[in-house]
Amino acid sequence: MKYIDFKDKSVQELNNLLKEKKVLLFTLKQKLKTMQLTNPNEIGEVRKDIAKISTAIVAANRK
């Protein structure tokens, strides 16, 4: 996802999305440890999405 997708959402929506992405990251890490993850690049993508959402939350709080 791109930052543009996040910047127009409310803080509540961003917090919910952040929670979902963190849960997804946790499950991906568990799958990696149990050798069930087929594409380890997914972890990096989710981490980048978490960073983008966090940036959007900070920007929304400054307004």
N, C-alpha and C. Protein backbone atom coordinates (compact mmCIF):
# COMPACT_ATOMS: atom_id res chain seq x y z
N MET A 1 0.84 -1.18 0.00
CA MET A 1 0.00 0.00 0.00
C MET A 1 0.88 1.25 0.00
N LYS A 2 0.34 2.29 -0.52
CA LYS A 2 1.07 3.54 -0.58
C LYS A 2 0.61 4.47 0.55
N TYR A 3 1.46 5.43 0.87
CA TYR A 3 1.15 6.39 1.92
C TYR A 3 -0.11 7.18 1.58
N ILE A 4 -0.33 7.43 0.31
CA ILE A 4 -1.51 8.19 -0.13
C ILE A 4 -2.80 7.50 0.31
N ASP A 5 -2.78 6.17 0.36
CA ASP A 5 -3.96 5.42 0.79
C ASP A 5 -4.29 5.67 2.26
N PHE A 6 -3.28 5.99 3.05
CA PHE A 6 -3.47 6.14 4.49
C PHE A 6 -3.75 7.57 4.93
N LYS A 7 -3.26 8.55 4.20
CA LYS A 7 -3.30 9.92 4.71
C LYS A 7 -4.71 10.52 4.79
N ASP A 8 -5.68 9.96 4.07
CA ASP A 8 -7.04 10.49 4.10
C ASP A 8 -7.94 9.81 5.12
N LYS A 9 -7.41 8.82 5.83
CA LYS A 9 -8.22 8.08 6.81
C LYS A 9 -8.18 8.76 8.17
N SER A 10 -9.17 8.45 8.99
CA SER A 10 -9.20 9.02 10.34
C SER A 10 -8.21 8.28 11.24
N VAL A 11 -7.93 8.87 12.37
CA VAL A 11 -6.98 8.28 13.32
C VAL A 11 -7.50 6.94 13.83
N GLN A 12 -8.80 6.85 14.07
CA GLN A 12 -9.38 5.60 14.56
C GLN A 12 -9.22 4.48 13.52
N GLU A 13 -9.47 4.80 12.26
CA GLU A 13 -9.29 3.80 11.20
C GLU A 13 -7.84 3.37 11.08
N LEU A 14 -6.93 4.34 11.22
CA LEU A 14 -5.51 4.02 11.14
C LEU A 14 -5.07 3.14 12.30
N ASN A 15 -5.59 3.42 13.49
CA ASN A 15 -5.23 2.59 14.64
C ASN A 15 -5.74 1.16 14.47
N ASN A 16 -6.95 1.01 13.93
CA ASN A 16 -7.47 -0.33 13.68
C ASN A 16 -6.64 -1.06 12.64
N LEU A 17 -6.26 -0.36 11.59
CA LEU A 17 -5.44 -0.96 10.54
C LEU A 17 -4.06 -1.34 11.07
N LEU A 18 -3.51 -0.49 11.93
CA LEU A 18 -2.21 -0.77 12.54
C LEU A 18 -2.27 -2.04 13.39
N LYS A 19 -3.34 -2.19 14.13
CA LYS A 19 -3.52 -3.38 14.96
C LYS A 19 -3.59 -4.64 14.10
N GLU A 20 -4.34 -4.57 13.00
CA GLU A 20 -4.46 -5.71 12.09
C GLU A 20 -3.10 -6.08 11.48
N LYS A 21 -2.33 -5.07 11.09
CA LYS A 21 -1.03 -5.33 10.47
C LYS A 21 -0.05 -5.94 11.48
N LYS A 22 -0.13 -5.50 12.74
CA LYS A 22 0.76 -6.07 13.75
C LYS A 22 0.42 -7.53 14.03
N VAL A 23 -0.87 -7.85 14.02
CA VAL A 23 -1.28 -9.24 14.20
C VAL A 23 -0.81 -10.07 13.01
N LEU A 24 -0.95 -9.52 11.81
CA LEU A 24 -0.48 -10.21 10.61
C LEU A 24 1.03 -10.44 10.66
N LEU A 25 1.78 -9.45 11.11
CA LEU A 25 3.23 -9.58 11.23
C LEU A 25 3.58 -10.70 12.21
N PHE A 26 2.87 -10.76 13.32
CA PHE A 26 3.10 -11.80 14.32
C PHE A 26 2.87 -13.19 13.72
N THR A 27 1.76 -13.34 12.99
CA THR A 27 1.47 -14.65 12.40
C THR A 27 2.48 -15.02 11.32
N LEU A 28 2.93 -14.03 10.55
CA LEU A 28 3.94 -14.31 9.53
C LEU A 28 5.26 -14.75 10.17
N LYS A 29 5.64 -14.12 11.27
CA LYS A 29 6.86 -14.52 11.96
C LYS A 29 6.74 -15.93 12.52
N GLN A 30 5.57 -16.28 13.02
CA GLN A 30 5.36 -17.63 13.53
C GLN A 30 5.45 -18.65 12.40
N LYS A 31 4.87 -18.32 11.26
CA LYS A 31 4.95 -19.22 10.11
C LYS A 31 6.38 -19.37 9.62
N LEU A 32 7.16 -18.30 9.70
CA LEU A 32 8.55 -18.37 9.29
C LEU A 32 9.33 -19.32 10.19
N LYS A 33 9.08 -19.26 11.48
CA LYS A 33 9.80 -20.12 12.42
C LYS A 33 9.40 -21.58 12.29
N THR A 34 8.19 -21.83 11.85
CA THR A 34 7.74 -23.22 11.70
C THR A 34 7.87 -23.71 10.26
N MET A 35 8.58 -22.95 9.44
CA MET A 35 8.85 -23.30 8.04
C MET A 35 7.58 -23.43 7.19
N GLN A 36 6.55 -22.68 7.50
CA GLN A 36 5.31 -22.71 6.73
C GLN A 36 5.17 -21.51 5.80
N LEU A 37 6.05 -20.54 5.92
CA LEU A 37 5.96 -19.33 5.11
C LEU A 37 6.65 -19.57 3.77
N THR A 38 5.92 -19.37 2.68
CA THR A 38 6.49 -19.62 1.36
C THR A 38 7.23 -18.41 0.81
N ASN A 39 6.81 -17.20 1.19
CA ASN A 39 7.43 -15.98 0.68
C ASN A 39 7.86 -15.10 1.85
N PRO A 40 9.13 -15.18 2.26
CA PRO A 40 9.58 -14.38 3.40
C PRO A 40 9.60 -12.88 3.14
N ASN A 41 9.45 -12.46 1.89
CA ASN A 41 9.41 -11.03 1.58
C ASN A 41 8.14 -10.37 2.11
N GLU A 42 7.14 -11.16 2.42
CA GLU A 42 5.89 -10.61 2.96
C GLU A 42 6.14 -9.90 4.29
N ILE A 43 7.08 -10.40 5.06
CA ILE A 43 7.37 -9.79 6.36
C ILE A 43 7.86 -8.36 6.16
N GLY A 44 8.74 -8.16 5.22
CA GLY A 44 9.25 -6.82 4.94
C GLY A 44 8.17 -5.87 4.46
N GLU A 45 7.27 -6.38 3.64
CA GLU A 45 6.18 -5.55 3.14
C GLU A 45 5.25 -5.11 4.27
N VAL A 46 4.95 -6.03 5.18
CA VAL A 46 4.07 -5.71 6.30
C VAL A 46 4.75 -4.72 7.23
N ARG A 47 6.05 -4.88 7.45
CA ARG A 47 6.78 -3.94 8.31
C ARG A 47 6.78 -2.53 7.71
N LYS A 48 6.91 -2.45 6.39
CA LYS A 48 6.87 -1.15 5.72
C LYS A 48 5.48 -0.53 5.83
N ASP A 49 4.44 -1.37 5.70
CA ASP A 49 3.08 -0.87 5.85
C ASP A 49 2.86 -0.32 7.26
N ILE A 50 3.39 -1.02 8.26
CA ILE A 50 3.26 -0.56 9.65
C ILE A 50 3.94 0.80 9.81
N ALA A 51 5.10 0.97 9.21
CA ALA A 51 5.81 2.25 9.30
C ALA A 51 5.02 3.36 8.61
N LYS A 52 4.42 3.06 7.48
CA LYS A 52 3.62 4.07 6.76
C LYS A 52 2.38 4.47 7.56
N ILE A 53 1.74 3.49 8.18
CA ILE A 53 0.56 3.78 8.99
C ILE A 53 0.95 4.62 10.19
N SER A 54 2.07 4.28 10.83
CA SER A 54 2.53 5.05 11.98
C SER A 54 2.84 6.49 11.60
N THR A 55 3.44 6.68 10.44
CA THR A 55 3.72 8.03 9.94
C THR A 55 2.44 8.80 9.70
N ALA A 56 1.44 8.13 9.14
CA ALA A 56 0.15 8.79 8.88
C ALA A 56 -0.54 9.18 10.19
N ILE A 57 -0.41 8.34 11.22
CA ILE A 57 -1.01 8.66 12.53
C ILE A 57 -0.36 9.89 13.13
N VAL A 58 0.96 9.96 13.06
CA VAL A 58 1.68 11.13 13.59
C VAL A 58 1.29 12.39 12.82
N ALA A 59 1.19 12.28 11.50
CA ALA A 59 0.81 13.44 10.68
C ALA A 59 -0.62 13.88 10.98
N ALA A 60 -1.51 12.93 11.23
CA ALA A 60 -2.90 13.28 11.53
C ALA A 60 -3.01 13.94 12.90
N ASN A 61 -2.19 13.54 13.85
CA ASN A 61 -2.22 14.13 15.19
C ASN A 61 -1.66 15.55 15.20
N ARG A 62 -0.82 15.88 14.24
CA ARG A 62 -0.23 17.22 14.18
C ARG A 62 -1.20 18.26 13.62
N LYS A 63 -2.21 17.80 12.90
CA LYS A 63 -3.15 18.75 12.28
C LYS A 63 -4.02 19.42 13.28
